[in-house]
N, C-alpha and C. Protein backbone atom coordinates (compact mmCIF):
# COMPACT_ATOMS: atom_id res chain seq x y z
N MET A 1 50.05 -39.09 56.38
CA MET A 1 48.66 -39.07 56.86
C MET A 1 48.20 -37.62 57.04
N ILE A 2 47.05 -37.30 56.52
CA ILE A 2 46.51 -35.94 56.63
C ILE A 2 45.83 -35.75 57.99
N LYS A 3 46.27 -34.72 58.70
CA LYS A 3 45.69 -34.41 60.02
C LYS A 3 45.06 -33.03 60.08
N ASN A 4 45.46 -32.14 59.16
CA ASN A 4 45.01 -30.75 59.21
C ASN A 4 44.47 -30.30 57.86
N ILE A 5 43.41 -29.49 57.91
CA ILE A 5 42.82 -28.96 56.67
C ILE A 5 42.64 -27.45 56.82
N ILE A 6 43.17 -26.71 55.86
CA ILE A 6 42.96 -25.26 55.83
C ILE A 6 41.99 -24.96 54.68
N PHE A 7 40.84 -24.42 55.03
CA PHE A 7 39.79 -24.13 54.05
C PHE A 7 39.73 -22.65 53.70
N ASP A 8 39.72 -22.35 52.42
CA ASP A 8 39.25 -21.04 52.01
C ASP A 8 37.74 -21.04 52.24
N ILE A 9 37.15 -19.88 52.46
CA ILE A 9 35.70 -19.82 52.75
C ILE A 9 34.88 -19.60 51.49
N ASP A 10 35.08 -18.46 50.82
CA ASP A 10 34.25 -18.11 49.66
C ASP A 10 34.63 -18.96 48.46
N GLY A 11 33.63 -19.63 47.90
CA GLY A 11 33.86 -20.49 46.75
C GLY A 11 34.17 -21.92 47.12
N VAL A 12 34.46 -22.17 48.39
CA VAL A 12 34.74 -23.52 48.86
C VAL A 12 33.64 -23.99 49.81
N LEU A 13 33.36 -23.19 50.82
CA LEU A 13 32.28 -23.50 51.77
C LEU A 13 31.01 -22.73 51.43
N VAL A 14 31.18 -21.61 50.77
CA VAL A 14 30.09 -20.69 50.45
C VAL A 14 29.95 -20.55 48.94
N ASP A 15 28.70 -20.52 48.46
CA ASP A 15 28.44 -20.30 47.04
C ASP A 15 28.51 -18.80 46.75
N SER A 16 29.71 -18.34 46.44
CA SER A 16 29.92 -16.91 46.21
C SER A 16 29.10 -16.39 45.04
N ASN A 17 28.92 -17.21 44.02
CA ASN A 17 28.16 -16.76 42.86
C ASN A 17 26.71 -16.45 43.23
N LEU A 18 26.14 -17.26 44.12
CA LEU A 18 24.77 -17.00 44.57
C LEU A 18 24.71 -15.71 45.39
N THR A 19 25.74 -15.45 46.15
CA THR A 19 25.83 -14.19 46.89
C THR A 19 25.81 -13.02 45.92
N TYR A 20 26.63 -13.10 44.87
CA TYR A 20 26.70 -12.02 43.89
C TYR A 20 25.35 -11.84 43.19
N ILE A 21 24.70 -12.94 42.86
CA ILE A 21 23.40 -12.87 42.18
C ILE A 21 22.40 -12.08 43.02
N GLU A 22 22.28 -12.42 44.29
CA GLU A 22 21.30 -11.75 45.15
C GLU A 22 21.66 -10.28 45.35
N PHE A 23 22.93 -10.00 45.51
CA PHE A 23 23.38 -8.61 45.65
C PHE A 23 23.01 -7.80 44.41
N LEU A 24 23.32 -8.34 43.23
CA LEU A 24 23.05 -7.62 41.99
C LEU A 24 21.56 -7.44 41.75
N ARG A 25 20.78 -8.48 42.00
CA ARG A 25 19.32 -8.40 41.80
C ARG A 25 18.68 -7.31 42.65
N HIS A 26 19.14 -7.20 43.88
CA HIS A 26 18.48 -6.29 44.83
C HIS A 26 19.12 -4.91 44.92
N THR A 27 20.20 -4.69 44.15
CA THR A 27 20.91 -3.42 44.25
C THR A 27 20.79 -2.58 42.98
N TYR A 28 20.77 -3.24 41.83
CA TYR A 28 20.76 -2.52 40.55
C TYR A 28 19.56 -2.97 39.72
N ASP A 29 18.81 -1.99 39.24
CA ASP A 29 17.63 -2.30 38.45
C ASP A 29 17.98 -3.09 37.18
N LYS A 30 19.11 -2.79 36.58
CA LYS A 30 19.47 -3.46 35.32
C LYS A 30 19.80 -4.94 35.52
N TYR A 31 20.03 -5.35 36.76
CA TYR A 31 20.34 -6.75 37.03
C TYR A 31 19.19 -7.48 37.74
N LYS A 32 18.02 -6.88 37.78
CA LYS A 32 16.93 -7.46 38.57
C LYS A 32 16.50 -8.84 38.10
N ASP A 33 16.75 -9.17 36.84
CA ASP A 33 16.35 -10.47 36.31
C ASP A 33 17.54 -11.40 36.06
N ILE A 34 18.67 -11.08 36.62
CA ILE A 34 19.87 -11.85 36.38
C ILE A 34 19.73 -13.29 36.89
N ARG A 35 20.27 -14.22 36.12
CA ARG A 35 20.25 -15.63 36.50
C ARG A 35 21.68 -16.12 36.72
N TYR A 36 21.79 -17.24 37.37
CA TYR A 36 23.10 -17.81 37.72
C TYR A 36 23.99 -17.95 36.48
N ASN A 37 23.44 -18.50 35.42
CA ASN A 37 24.25 -18.76 34.23
C ASN A 37 24.56 -17.51 33.41
N ASP A 38 23.98 -16.35 33.82
CA ASP A 38 24.29 -15.10 33.14
C ASP A 38 25.66 -14.55 33.56
N LEU A 39 26.14 -14.97 34.72
CA LEU A 39 27.34 -14.38 35.29
C LEU A 39 28.55 -14.37 34.35
N PRO A 40 28.91 -15.50 33.73
CA PRO A 40 30.12 -15.46 32.90
C PRO A 40 30.00 -14.61 31.64
N PHE A 41 28.78 -14.28 31.23
CA PHE A 41 28.58 -13.43 30.07
C PHE A 41 28.66 -11.95 30.45
N LEU A 42 28.20 -11.66 31.66
CA LEU A 42 28.24 -10.28 32.15
C LEU A 42 29.60 -9.91 32.72
N PHE A 43 30.23 -10.88 33.36
CA PHE A 43 31.52 -10.66 34.02
C PHE A 43 32.49 -11.77 33.60
N PRO A 44 33.21 -11.56 32.51
CA PRO A 44 34.12 -12.59 32.02
C PRO A 44 35.08 -13.08 33.10
N ILE A 45 35.35 -14.36 33.08
CA ILE A 45 36.20 -14.96 34.10
C ILE A 45 37.66 -14.60 33.84
N SER A 46 38.31 -14.11 34.86
CA SER A 46 39.73 -13.75 34.76
C SER A 46 40.58 -15.01 34.66
N THR A 47 41.54 -14.99 33.74
CA THR A 47 42.43 -16.14 33.61
C THR A 47 43.37 -16.25 34.81
N ASP A 48 43.52 -15.19 35.59
CA ASP A 48 44.35 -15.24 36.80
C ASP A 48 43.64 -15.97 37.92
N ASP A 49 42.30 -15.85 37.95
CA ASP A 49 41.51 -16.43 39.04
C ASP A 49 40.87 -17.76 38.66
N GLY A 50 40.36 -17.82 37.43
CA GLY A 50 39.66 -19.01 37.00
C GLY A 50 38.24 -19.11 37.49
N ALA A 51 37.74 -18.05 38.15
CA ALA A 51 36.38 -18.05 38.69
C ALA A 51 35.79 -16.65 38.56
N ILE A 52 34.49 -16.54 38.76
CA ILE A 52 33.79 -15.25 38.65
C ILE A 52 34.30 -14.28 39.72
N LYS A 53 34.49 -13.05 39.28
CA LYS A 53 34.90 -11.99 40.21
C LYS A 53 34.20 -10.71 39.79
N LEU A 54 33.58 -10.02 40.73
CA LEU A 54 32.89 -8.77 40.39
C LEU A 54 33.90 -7.71 39.97
N PRO A 55 33.52 -6.85 39.00
CA PRO A 55 34.38 -5.72 38.65
C PRO A 55 34.60 -4.83 39.87
N SER A 56 35.67 -4.07 39.87
CA SER A 56 36.06 -3.30 41.07
C SER A 56 34.97 -2.36 41.57
N ASP A 57 34.25 -1.67 40.66
CA ASP A 57 33.22 -0.73 41.12
C ASP A 57 32.07 -1.45 41.83
N LEU A 58 31.65 -2.59 41.28
CA LEU A 58 30.58 -3.35 41.92
C LEU A 58 31.07 -4.02 43.20
N SER A 59 32.33 -4.41 43.20
CA SER A 59 32.91 -5.04 44.38
C SER A 59 32.93 -4.08 45.56
N VAL A 60 33.22 -2.81 45.30
CA VAL A 60 33.22 -1.79 46.36
C VAL A 60 31.82 -1.64 46.94
N ASP A 61 30.81 -1.58 46.07
CA ASP A 61 29.42 -1.47 46.53
C ASP A 61 29.02 -2.71 47.34
N PHE A 62 29.44 -3.87 46.87
CA PHE A 62 29.11 -5.13 47.54
C PHE A 62 29.65 -5.14 48.97
N LYS A 63 30.89 -4.75 49.14
CA LYS A 63 31.52 -4.80 50.47
C LYS A 63 30.89 -3.81 51.44
N LYS A 64 30.24 -2.77 50.91
CA LYS A 64 29.58 -1.78 51.77
C LYS A 64 28.12 -2.16 52.06
N SER A 65 27.61 -3.13 51.32
CA SER A 65 26.18 -3.46 51.41
C SER A 65 25.89 -4.51 52.49
N ASP A 66 24.60 -4.64 52.80
CA ASP A 66 24.16 -5.66 53.74
C ASP A 66 24.33 -7.06 53.16
N TRP A 67 24.44 -7.15 51.84
CA TRP A 67 24.59 -8.45 51.18
C TRP A 67 25.97 -9.05 51.41
N TYR A 68 26.89 -8.26 51.92
CA TYR A 68 28.24 -8.77 52.21
C TYR A 68 28.18 -9.91 53.23
N SER A 69 27.20 -9.86 54.09
CA SER A 69 27.06 -10.90 55.12
C SER A 69 26.11 -12.02 54.70
N TYR A 70 25.60 -11.93 53.49
CA TYR A 70 24.76 -13.01 52.97
C TYR A 70 25.67 -13.97 52.22
N ARG A 71 25.97 -15.08 52.87
CA ARG A 71 26.90 -16.05 52.29
C ARG A 71 26.29 -17.45 52.43
N PRO A 72 25.47 -17.85 51.47
CA PRO A 72 24.82 -19.15 51.55
C PRO A 72 25.82 -20.30 51.38
N LEU A 73 25.78 -21.22 52.32
CA LEU A 73 26.66 -22.38 52.26
C LEU A 73 26.20 -23.33 51.16
N PHE A 74 27.15 -24.07 50.59
CA PHE A 74 26.76 -25.16 49.70
C PHE A 74 25.97 -26.18 50.52
N PRO A 75 25.03 -26.90 49.89
CA PRO A 75 24.13 -27.79 50.63
C PRO A 75 24.83 -28.80 51.56
N ASP A 76 26.01 -29.28 51.17
CA ASP A 76 26.66 -30.31 51.99
C ASP A 76 27.76 -29.77 52.90
N THR A 77 27.93 -28.46 52.94
CA THR A 77 29.06 -27.89 53.69
C THR A 77 29.06 -28.28 55.16
N MET A 78 27.98 -27.99 55.88
CA MET A 78 27.97 -28.23 57.33
C MET A 78 28.04 -29.72 57.65
N LYS A 79 27.33 -30.52 56.87
CA LYS A 79 27.33 -31.97 57.11
C LYS A 79 28.74 -32.54 57.01
N VAL A 80 29.46 -32.13 55.98
CA VAL A 80 30.81 -32.65 55.77
C VAL A 80 31.78 -32.09 56.80
N LEU A 81 31.67 -30.81 57.11
CA LEU A 81 32.56 -30.23 58.12
C LEU A 81 32.41 -30.93 59.47
N LYS A 82 31.19 -31.20 59.86
CA LYS A 82 30.95 -31.89 61.14
C LYS A 82 31.51 -33.31 61.11
N LYS A 83 31.38 -33.96 59.96
CA LYS A 83 31.90 -35.32 59.81
C LYS A 83 33.42 -35.32 59.92
N LEU A 84 34.06 -34.35 59.26
CA LEU A 84 35.52 -34.25 59.31
C LEU A 84 36.00 -33.92 60.73
N LYS A 85 35.23 -33.10 61.41
CA LYS A 85 35.57 -32.76 62.80
C LYS A 85 35.51 -34.02 63.67
N GLU A 86 34.46 -34.81 63.47
CA GLU A 86 34.30 -36.05 64.23
C GLU A 86 35.44 -37.03 63.94
N CYS A 87 35.99 -36.96 62.73
CA CYS A 87 37.10 -37.84 62.35
C CYS A 87 38.43 -37.40 62.95
N GLY A 88 38.44 -36.24 63.60
CA GLY A 88 39.63 -35.79 64.30
C GLY A 88 40.54 -34.84 63.56
N TYR A 89 40.11 -34.37 62.39
CA TYR A 89 40.93 -33.39 61.67
C TYR A 89 40.97 -32.06 62.42
N ARG A 90 42.12 -31.42 62.43
CA ARG A 90 42.19 -30.03 62.89
C ARG A 90 41.85 -29.17 61.68
N MET A 91 40.94 -28.22 61.83
CA MET A 91 40.46 -27.46 60.69
C MET A 91 40.58 -25.95 60.94
N PHE A 92 41.04 -25.28 59.91
CA PHE A 92 41.27 -23.84 59.98
C PHE A 92 40.61 -23.17 58.78
N ALA A 93 40.06 -22.00 58.99
CA ALA A 93 39.45 -21.23 57.90
C ALA A 93 40.36 -20.06 57.57
N LEU A 94 40.63 -19.88 56.29
CA LEU A 94 41.47 -18.77 55.85
C LEU A 94 40.75 -18.02 54.75
N SER A 95 40.64 -16.71 54.91
CA SER A 95 39.91 -15.93 53.92
C SER A 95 40.56 -14.56 53.75
N ALA A 96 40.53 -14.07 52.53
CA ALA A 96 40.95 -12.69 52.29
C ALA A 96 39.80 -11.78 52.67
N ALA A 97 40.10 -10.66 53.30
CA ALA A 97 39.02 -9.76 53.73
C ALA A 97 39.54 -8.34 53.91
N ARG A 98 38.77 -7.39 53.37
CA ARG A 98 39.08 -5.99 53.62
C ARG A 98 38.53 -5.57 54.98
N ASN A 99 37.52 -6.30 55.44
CA ASN A 99 36.90 -6.01 56.73
C ASN A 99 36.86 -7.30 57.55
N PRO A 100 38.00 -7.71 58.11
CA PRO A 100 38.07 -8.99 58.85
C PRO A 100 37.09 -9.08 60.01
N GLU A 101 36.87 -7.96 60.70
CA GLU A 101 35.97 -7.99 61.87
C GLU A 101 34.55 -8.37 61.46
N LYS A 102 34.10 -7.80 60.36
CA LYS A 102 32.74 -8.07 59.89
C LYS A 102 32.62 -9.53 59.43
N LYS A 103 33.63 -10.01 58.73
CA LYS A 103 33.60 -11.38 58.24
C LYS A 103 33.73 -12.37 59.39
N LEU A 104 34.56 -12.03 60.37
CA LEU A 104 34.73 -12.90 61.54
C LEU A 104 33.43 -13.01 62.32
N GLU A 105 32.71 -11.91 62.44
CA GLU A 105 31.42 -11.92 63.14
C GLU A 105 30.45 -12.88 62.47
N TRP A 106 30.41 -12.84 61.14
CA TRP A 106 29.55 -13.76 60.39
C TRP A 106 30.01 -15.20 60.58
N ALA A 107 31.31 -15.43 60.42
CA ALA A 107 31.85 -16.79 60.44
C ALA A 107 31.66 -17.48 61.79
N THR A 108 31.87 -16.75 62.88
CA THR A 108 31.76 -17.36 64.21
C THR A 108 30.31 -17.74 64.54
N LYS A 109 29.36 -17.05 63.94
CA LYS A 109 27.95 -17.39 64.16
C LYS A 109 27.55 -18.64 63.37
N ILE A 110 28.12 -18.80 62.19
CA ILE A 110 27.76 -19.91 61.30
C ILE A 110 28.48 -21.20 61.66
N PHE A 111 29.79 -21.09 61.89
CA PHE A 111 30.62 -22.29 62.08
C PHE A 111 30.95 -22.51 63.56
N ILE A 112 29.92 -22.67 64.36
CA ILE A 112 30.12 -22.84 65.80
C ILE A 112 30.81 -24.16 66.09
N ASN A 113 31.93 -24.08 66.82
CA ASN A 113 32.68 -25.27 67.27
C ASN A 113 33.20 -26.14 66.12
N ILE A 114 33.40 -25.54 64.96
CA ILE A 114 33.91 -26.30 63.82
C ILE A 114 35.41 -26.09 63.64
N PHE A 115 35.81 -24.83 63.55
CA PHE A 115 37.20 -24.51 63.21
C PHE A 115 38.05 -24.23 64.44
N ASP A 116 39.31 -24.66 64.35
CA ASP A 116 40.27 -24.35 65.42
C ASP A 116 40.58 -22.86 65.43
N SER A 117 40.50 -22.24 64.25
CA SER A 117 40.80 -20.82 64.16
C SER A 117 40.30 -20.25 62.84
N PHE A 118 39.98 -18.95 62.86
CA PHE A 118 39.69 -18.20 61.64
C PHE A 118 40.86 -17.26 61.40
N GLU A 119 41.45 -17.35 60.23
CA GLU A 119 42.60 -16.51 59.89
C GLU A 119 42.27 -15.70 58.65
N PHE A 120 42.84 -14.50 58.57
CA PHE A 120 42.55 -13.62 57.43
C PHE A 120 43.85 -13.13 56.80
N SER A 121 43.82 -13.05 55.48
CA SER A 121 44.97 -12.53 54.74
C SER A 121 44.56 -11.22 54.08
N PRO A 122 45.52 -10.34 53.84
CA PRO A 122 45.19 -9.06 53.20
C PRO A 122 44.53 -9.29 51.84
N ALA A 123 43.51 -8.52 51.55
CA ALA A 123 42.80 -8.64 50.27
C ALA A 123 43.75 -8.34 49.12
N ASN A 124 43.59 -9.08 48.02
CA ASN A 124 44.37 -8.89 46.80
C ASN A 124 45.87 -9.15 46.98
N GLN A 125 46.23 -9.94 47.98
CA GLN A 125 47.62 -10.34 48.16
C GLN A 125 47.71 -11.86 48.23
N SER A 126 48.86 -12.38 47.90
CA SER A 126 49.07 -13.83 47.93
C SER A 126 48.84 -14.37 49.34
N LYS A 127 48.25 -15.56 49.40
CA LYS A 127 48.01 -16.18 50.70
C LYS A 127 49.21 -16.98 51.20
N GLU A 128 50.28 -17.03 50.43
CA GLU A 128 51.42 -17.87 50.81
C GLU A 128 51.96 -17.50 52.18
N CYS A 129 52.20 -16.22 52.42
CA CYS A 129 52.76 -15.80 53.71
C CYS A 129 51.82 -16.15 54.87
N THR A 130 50.52 -15.96 54.67
CA THR A 130 49.56 -16.27 55.71
C THR A 130 49.52 -17.77 55.98
N LEU A 131 49.60 -18.57 54.93
CA LEU A 131 49.63 -20.03 55.10
C LEU A 131 50.84 -20.45 55.92
N LEU A 132 51.99 -19.89 55.62
CA LEU A 132 53.21 -20.21 56.36
C LEU A 132 53.10 -19.77 57.82
N GLU A 133 52.44 -18.64 58.04
CA GLU A 133 52.23 -18.16 59.41
C GLU A 133 51.32 -19.11 60.19
N ILE A 134 50.30 -19.63 59.53
CA ILE A 134 49.39 -20.58 60.19
C ILE A 134 50.14 -21.86 60.57
N LEU A 135 50.96 -22.36 59.65
CA LEU A 135 51.75 -23.56 59.94
C LEU A 135 52.62 -23.35 61.18
N LYS A 136 53.27 -22.20 61.24
CA LYS A 136 54.15 -21.90 62.36
C LYS A 136 53.37 -21.67 63.65
N LYS A 137 52.31 -20.90 63.56
CA LYS A 137 51.51 -20.52 64.74
C LYS A 137 50.92 -21.72 65.44
N TYR A 138 50.47 -22.72 64.65
CA TYR A 138 49.80 -23.88 65.24
C TYR A 138 50.64 -25.16 65.16
N SER A 139 51.93 -24.98 64.85
CA SER A 139 52.88 -26.10 64.79
C SER A 139 52.36 -27.24 63.91
N LEU A 140 51.94 -26.88 62.70
CA LEU A 140 51.42 -27.87 61.78
C LEU A 140 52.52 -28.38 60.85
N ASN A 141 52.52 -29.66 60.61
CA ASN A 141 53.46 -30.28 59.69
C ASN A 141 52.93 -30.14 58.27
N LYS A 142 53.75 -29.62 57.36
CA LYS A 142 53.32 -29.42 55.98
C LYS A 142 52.81 -30.71 55.34
N GLU A 143 53.52 -31.80 55.62
CA GLU A 143 53.18 -33.08 55.01
C GLU A 143 51.85 -33.63 55.51
N GLU A 144 51.35 -33.08 56.60
CA GLU A 144 50.09 -33.54 57.19
C GLU A 144 48.96 -32.55 56.98
N THR A 145 49.20 -31.55 56.13
CA THR A 145 48.23 -30.45 55.98
C THR A 145 47.78 -30.28 54.54
N VAL A 146 46.47 -30.14 54.36
CA VAL A 146 45.85 -29.90 53.06
C VAL A 146 45.28 -28.49 53.03
N PHE A 147 45.43 -27.83 51.90
CA PHE A 147 44.83 -26.52 51.68
C PHE A 147 43.82 -26.63 50.55
N VAL A 148 42.60 -26.13 50.78
CA VAL A 148 41.53 -26.23 49.79
C VAL A 148 41.10 -24.82 49.37
N ASP A 149 41.19 -24.54 48.07
CA ASP A 149 40.80 -23.23 47.55
C ASP A 149 40.22 -23.42 46.15
N ASP A 150 39.59 -22.37 45.64
CA ASP A 150 38.96 -22.47 44.32
C ASP A 150 39.67 -21.66 43.24
N ARG A 151 40.48 -20.69 43.62
CA ARG A 151 41.07 -19.77 42.65
C ARG A 151 42.53 -20.10 42.34
N PHE A 152 42.88 -19.91 41.09
CA PHE A 152 44.23 -20.27 40.62
C PHE A 152 45.33 -19.63 41.45
N GLN A 153 45.22 -18.33 41.71
CA GLN A 153 46.30 -17.63 42.40
C GLN A 153 46.51 -18.18 43.81
N ASN A 154 45.43 -18.60 44.45
CA ASN A 154 45.55 -19.14 45.80
C ASN A 154 46.06 -20.58 45.79
N ILE A 155 45.72 -21.30 44.74
CA ILE A 155 46.26 -22.65 44.57
C ILE A 155 47.78 -22.57 44.40
N ARG A 156 48.21 -21.60 43.63
CA ARG A 156 49.66 -21.40 43.47
C ARG A 156 50.31 -21.06 44.81
N ALA A 157 49.62 -20.26 45.62
CA ALA A 157 50.15 -19.89 46.94
C ALA A 157 50.28 -21.12 47.84
N GLY A 158 49.27 -22.00 47.79
CA GLY A 158 49.33 -23.22 48.60
C GLY A 158 50.48 -24.11 48.20
N LEU A 159 50.68 -24.25 46.89
CA LEU A 159 51.79 -25.07 46.39
C LEU A 159 53.13 -24.45 46.76
N SER A 160 53.24 -23.13 46.67
CA SER A 160 54.48 -22.44 47.02
C SER A 160 54.80 -22.58 48.51
N ALA A 161 53.74 -22.70 49.32
CA ALA A 161 53.93 -22.90 50.76
C ALA A 161 54.29 -24.34 51.10
N GLY A 162 54.28 -25.21 50.09
CA GLY A 162 54.66 -26.60 50.30
C GLY A 162 53.54 -27.49 50.77
N LEU A 163 52.29 -27.05 50.56
CA LEU A 163 51.14 -27.82 51.05
C LEU A 163 50.52 -28.66 49.93
N LEU A 164 49.94 -29.78 50.31
CA LEU A 164 49.11 -30.53 49.39
C LEU A 164 47.88 -29.66 49.15
N THR A 165 47.68 -29.23 47.92
CA THR A 165 46.63 -28.26 47.62
C THR A 165 45.59 -28.89 46.69
N ILE A 166 44.33 -28.68 47.05
CA ILE A 166 43.21 -29.25 46.30
C ILE A 166 42.32 -28.10 45.83
N ARG A 167 41.87 -28.20 44.58
CA ARG A 167 40.96 -27.19 44.07
C ARG A 167 39.51 -27.62 44.23
N MET A 168 38.72 -26.75 44.85
CA MET A 168 37.27 -26.90 44.83
C MET A 168 36.81 -26.19 43.56
N LYS A 169 36.35 -26.94 42.60
CA LYS A 169 36.02 -26.37 41.29
C LYS A 169 34.66 -25.67 41.33
N PRO A 170 34.64 -24.36 41.06
CA PRO A 170 33.36 -23.65 41.01
C PRO A 170 32.48 -24.15 39.87
N LYS A 171 31.17 -23.97 40.01
CA LYS A 171 30.25 -24.39 38.96
C LYS A 171 30.54 -23.66 37.66
N ILE A 172 30.88 -22.39 37.77
CA ILE A 172 31.24 -21.59 36.60
C ILE A 172 32.71 -21.22 36.74
N SER A 173 33.56 -21.84 35.92
CA SER A 173 34.98 -21.61 36.09
C SER A 173 35.76 -22.06 34.86
N LEU A 174 37.03 -21.73 34.84
CA LEU A 174 37.93 -22.18 33.80
C LEU A 174 38.61 -23.48 34.26
N ILE A 175 39.08 -24.24 33.30
CA ILE A 175 39.84 -25.44 33.66
C ILE A 175 41.21 -25.00 34.17
N LEU A 176 41.86 -25.86 34.93
CA LEU A 176 43.17 -25.53 35.45
C LEU A 176 44.17 -25.33 34.30
N PRO A 177 45.01 -24.31 34.41
CA PRO A 177 46.05 -24.13 33.39
C PRO A 177 47.04 -25.29 33.43
N ALA A 178 47.79 -25.45 32.37
CA ALA A 178 48.71 -26.60 32.26
C ALA A 178 49.66 -26.71 33.44
N ALA A 179 50.15 -25.58 33.93
CA ALA A 179 51.10 -25.60 35.04
C ALA A 179 50.49 -26.12 36.34
N LEU A 180 49.16 -26.14 36.41
CA LEU A 180 48.48 -26.62 37.63
C LEU A 180 47.69 -27.90 37.36
N SER A 181 47.90 -28.50 36.22
CA SER A 181 47.09 -29.65 35.83
C SER A 181 47.27 -30.86 36.76
N HIS A 182 48.34 -30.87 37.54
CA HIS A 182 48.58 -31.98 38.48
C HIS A 182 47.77 -31.85 39.77
N VAL A 183 47.17 -30.67 39.97
CA VAL A 183 46.41 -30.42 41.21
C VAL A 183 45.10 -31.19 41.17
N LYS A 184 44.80 -31.89 42.25
CA LYS A 184 43.54 -32.64 42.33
C LYS A 184 42.39 -31.66 42.46
N GLN A 185 41.25 -32.01 41.82
CA GLN A 185 40.06 -31.17 41.87
C GLN A 185 38.88 -31.97 42.41
N VAL A 186 38.00 -31.27 43.12
CA VAL A 186 36.74 -31.87 43.56
C VAL A 186 35.63 -30.90 43.22
N ASN A 187 34.41 -31.42 43.10
CA ASN A 187 33.26 -30.59 42.74
C ASN A 187 32.36 -30.27 43.92
N SER A 188 32.64 -30.85 45.07
CA SER A 188 31.79 -30.62 46.24
C SER A 188 32.55 -31.01 47.50
N MET A 189 32.02 -30.62 48.65
CA MET A 189 32.60 -31.01 49.93
C MET A 189 32.51 -32.52 50.12
N THR A 190 31.45 -33.11 49.62
CA THR A 190 31.29 -34.56 49.72
C THR A 190 32.42 -35.27 48.98
N GLU A 191 32.74 -34.79 47.78
CA GLU A 191 33.86 -35.36 47.02
C GLU A 191 35.18 -35.14 47.75
N LEU A 192 35.32 -34.00 48.41
CA LEU A 192 36.54 -33.73 49.16
C LEU A 192 36.72 -34.74 50.28
N ALA A 193 35.65 -35.03 51.01
CA ALA A 193 35.71 -36.00 52.10
C ALA A 193 36.14 -37.37 51.59
N GLU A 194 35.65 -37.77 50.43
CA GLU A 194 36.03 -39.04 49.84
C GLU A 194 37.50 -39.05 49.44
N LEU A 195 37.97 -37.93 48.89
CA LEU A 195 39.38 -37.84 48.51
C LEU A 195 40.28 -37.91 49.73
N LEU A 196 39.89 -37.25 50.81
CA LEU A 196 40.70 -37.26 52.03
C LEU A 196 40.85 -38.67 52.58
N LYS A 197 39.84 -39.50 52.43
CA LYS A 197 39.93 -40.89 52.87
C LYS A 197 41.06 -41.61 52.13
N LYS A 198 41.18 -41.34 50.84
CA LYS A 198 42.19 -41.98 50.02
C LYS A 198 43.59 -41.47 50.35
N LEU A 199 43.65 -40.21 50.77
CA LEU A 199 44.95 -39.63 51.08
C LEU A 199 45.47 -40.11 52.43
């Protein structure tokens, strides 16, 4: 029986691509007319991630900008999170961050009384160690815990940590590689809630 859910934030609860679009439109003149579907042509999807990722130079500018705190939730995010909370799930947010304090400030304002804890892992490092630390810190049973992420490398980390891992499939993304083809995928938080009922 599933009792605990560990959520990645960006790409799972937040539409990261929309964040990138607004940042690019308002920061660089050459991107002022950029559209959502332009992203994979301008920034090819990494086979390591399976989702859109800004090049390093733009990523540095993004993290220094005011747009770093602009993180629009998917339309059903809050509704589903509140429903899951009412159902009694213990919920944790895990995110990679170069500036955890800034991200924590944003997260605590948005997700009031939703998560048991906000946890952060070092940027550009595997989340496996952090996942194992969360299990130990909060005495969570692996067999009762689900990890939800959108990127291949983090899905691998969840599996390596021994967790039931689910992929939130980004709108613009690659299909799961053969080695991860057994991983369940959902297209929205609403679909995730339905899958959790079956589990």
